[in-house]
C-alpha cells in the first residue's frame, strides 16, 4: 500500500501532507498516547463532521497536554508533527516553520497539526470508532500522573 497524500486549505494556505513512514508514525502515536492518556478519545472524536473544532473540546485536549509535558516538549512535538508537510508548495523545515507560524499565523499551527494527524491516523481513528474503543475511553475517568482519578 502506498502512502496517502492529501491537501487542505487552512486559513488561505494549501497544506499538502504525505503519510509518514511507519517508524515516525508509531513514535508520534506513542507520544500522543503518552501525553493525552485516556483523553485520546477526545482528540480522536474531534471534528467528526468536518465543520471545525469546538473550542471547549480543544481547550480540554490542550489542558491534558499541558499537564503531561513541558512547554518545550510540546513545541518540539508540534514541530515533529508539522515539519515535512508543504505549505503552498514549500516544504516546511526548521527555518520555514519559524517564518510561517510567526506573528498573526502563530495559532494556525493547531488546525494544521490536527489535519496532519488525521491524514496519518485516519485508519486508526476509524478502527477505534468501529471497535467501540472511543466510547470506552470516553467513559473512563482521567487519571493523574500519580494514578488518582480526576473528574
Protein backbone atom coordinates (compact mmCIF):
# COMPACT_ATOMS: atom_id res chain seq x y z
CA UNK A 1 0.00 0.00 0.00
CA UNK A 2 1.38 3.39 -0.92
CA UNK A 3 1.38 6.48 1.25
CA UNK A 4 -1.64 8.74 1.06
CA UNK A 5 -1.18 12.37 0.00
CA UNK A 6 -3.82 14.93 0.93
CA UNK A 7 -4.14 18.68 0.53
CA UNK A 8 -6.35 21.00 2.55
CA UNK A 9 -6.79 24.76 2.52
CA UNK A 10 -6.35 26.12 6.04
CA UNK A 11 -6.60 29.87 6.63
CA UNK A 12 -5.92 30.65 2.95
CA UNK A 13 -2.91 28.34 2.54
CA UNK A 14 -2.79 24.92 0.87
CA UNK A 15 -1.15 22.33 3.13
CA UNK A 16 -0.06 19.08 1.49
CA UNK A 17 0.66 16.08 3.69
CA UNK A 18 2.22 12.76 2.76
CA UNK A 19 1.67 9.98 5.27
CA UNK A 20 4.69 9.38 7.47
CA UNK A 21 6.88 6.29 7.27
CA UNK A 22 5.94 3.58 9.79
CA UNK A 23 8.67 4.38 12.33
CA UNK A 24 7.75 8.07 12.60
CA UNK A 25 4.02 7.29 12.67
CA UNK A 26 4.47 4.78 15.50
CA UNK A 27 6.77 7.03 17.51
CA UNK A 28 4.43 10.01 17.32
CA UNK A 29 1.38 7.85 18.04
CA UNK A 30 3.01 6.58 21.23
CA UNK A 31 3.98 10.13 22.24
CA UNK A 32 0.43 11.29 21.61
CA UNK A 33 -0.96 8.44 23.72
CA UNK A 34 1.56 9.20 26.49
CA UNK A 35 0.72 12.90 26.51
CA UNK A 36 -3.06 12.51 26.31
CA UNK A 37 -3.69 9.24 28.13
CA UNK A 38 -7.39 8.45 28.44
CA UNK A 39 -8.32 11.77 26.83
CA UNK A 40 -7.04 10.44 23.48
CA UNK A 41 -10.69 9.72 22.70
CA UNK A 42 -11.39 13.45 22.85
CA UNK A 43 -8.80 14.10 20.16
CA UNK A 44 -9.99 11.14 18.08
CA UNK A 45 -13.57 12.38 18.10
CA UNK A 46 -12.68 15.98 17.19
CA UNK A 47 -14.08 17.49 14.04
CA UNK A 48 -16.03 14.37 13.01
CA UNK A 49 -18.40 16.45 10.92
CA UNK A 50 -15.64 18.50 9.28
CA UNK A 51 -17.19 21.75 10.49
CA UNK A 52 -14.29 22.81 12.70
CA UNK A 53 -13.22 22.24 16.24
CA UNK A 54 -15.24 23.07 19.32
CA UNK A 55 -13.17 25.48 21.44
CA UNK A 56 -14.21 23.76 24.69
CA UNK A 57 -13.05 20.36 23.42
CA UNK A 58 -9.80 21.87 22.13
CA UNK A 59 -9.20 23.57 25.48
CA UNK A 60 -9.76 20.27 27.30
CA UNK A 61 -7.33 18.45 24.99
CA UNK A 62 -4.64 21.08 25.41
CA UNK A 63 -5.20 21.08 29.17
CA UNK A 64 -4.25 17.38 29.15
CA UNK A 65 -1.19 18.10 27.01
CA UNK A 66 -0.02 20.84 29.34
CA UNK A 67 -0.42 18.57 32.37
CA UNK A 68 1.69 15.81 30.84
CA UNK A 69 4.59 17.62 29.16
CA UNK A 70 6.70 20.75 29.47
CA UNK A 71 6.21 23.71 27.13
CA UNK A 72 9.44 22.82 25.31
CA UNK A 73 8.30 19.21 24.85
CA UNK A 74 5.02 20.49 23.41
CA UNK A 75 6.79 22.82 20.96
CA UNK A 76 9.13 20.00 19.90
CA UNK A 77 6.16 17.66 19.47
CA UNK A 78 4.26 20.16 17.30
CA UNK A 79 7.38 20.72 15.19
CA UNK A 80 7.77 16.95 14.73
CA UNK A 81 4.20 16.77 13.51
CA UNK A 82 4.28 19.77 11.17
CA UNK A 83 7.76 19.71 9.66
CA UNK A 84 7.85 17.84 6.39
CA UNK A 85 4.44 18.90 5.11
CA UNK A 86 4.22 21.59 2.42
CA UNK A 87 2.56 24.97 2.65
CA UNK A 88 1.69 26.50 -0.72
CA UNK A 89 4.20 24.15 -2.36
CA UNK A 90 7.08 24.94 0.04
CA UNK A 91 8.24 22.12 2.32
CA UNK A 92 8.30 23.16 5.98
CA UNK A 93 11.68 22.76 7.68
CA UNK A 94 13.01 24.37 10.87
CA UNK A 95 13.60 27.73 9.13
CA UNK A 96 10.30 27.93 7.24
CA UNK A 97 8.45 26.64 10.33
CA UNK A 98 9.53 29.76 12.22
CA UNK A 99 8.68 32.01 9.27
CA UNK A 100 5.24 30.54 8.57
CA UNK A 101 4.00 30.27 12.16
CA UNK A 102 5.14 33.65 13.50
CA UNK A 103 3.09 36.72 14.28
CA UNK A 104 -0.57 36.56 13.26
CA UNK A 105 -0.08 32.99 11.95
CA UNK A 106 1.07 31.61 15.31
CA UNK A 107 -2.20 29.84 16.09
CA UNK A 108 -2.54 28.37 12.59
CA UNK A 109 -0.28 25.54 13.75
CA UNK A 110 -3.12 23.83 15.65
CA UNK A 111 -5.54 23.16 12.76
CA UNK A 112 -2.54 22.25 10.56
CA UNK A 113 -1.27 19.74 13.15
CA UNK A 114 -4.76 18.22 13.52
CA UNK A 115 -5.04 17.88 9.72
CA UNK A 116 -1.66 16.12 9.60
CA UNK A 117 -2.69 13.78 12.42
CA UNK A 118 -5.96 12.97 10.65
CA UNK A 119 -4.09 12.09 7.42
CA UNK A 120 -1.66 9.85 9.26
CA UNK A 121 -4.06 8.17 11.66
CA UNK A 122 -7.35 8.04 9.75
CA UNK A 123 -7.36 4.22 9.68
CA UNK A 124 -6.53 4.14 13.40
CA UNK A 125 -9.32 6.61 14.15
CA UNK A 126 -11.93 4.74 12.09
CA UNK A 127 -10.79 1.41 13.57
CA UNK A 128 -11.12 2.74 17.10
CA UNK A 129 -14.59 4.12 16.33
CA UNK A 130 -15.75 0.86 14.76
CA UNK A 131 -14.44 -1.24 17.65
CA UNK A 132 -16.21 0.90 20.24
CA UNK A 133 -12.96 1.84 21.98
CA UNK A 134 -13.64 5.57 21.59
CA UNK A 135 -16.81 5.18 23.63
CA UNK A 136 -14.97 3.05 26.19
CA UNK A 137 -12.22 5.68 26.57
CA UNK A 138 -14.83 8.42 26.92
CA UNK A 139 -16.39 6.55 29.87
CA UNK A 140 -13.01 6.01 31.58
CA UNK A 141 -12.17 8.66 34.21
CA UNK A 142 -8.96 10.60 33.62
CA UNK A 143 -6.03 9.63 35.80
CA UNK A 144 -3.38 11.99 37.08
CA UNK A 145 0.33 11.16 36.90
CA UNK A 146 0.05 9.91 40.47
CA UNK A 147 -2.69 7.44 39.47
CA UNK A 148 -5.56 9.27 41.17
CA UNK A 149 -8.82 9.92 39.35
CA UNK A 150 -9.93 13.35 38.23
CA UNK A 151 -13.48 14.34 37.35
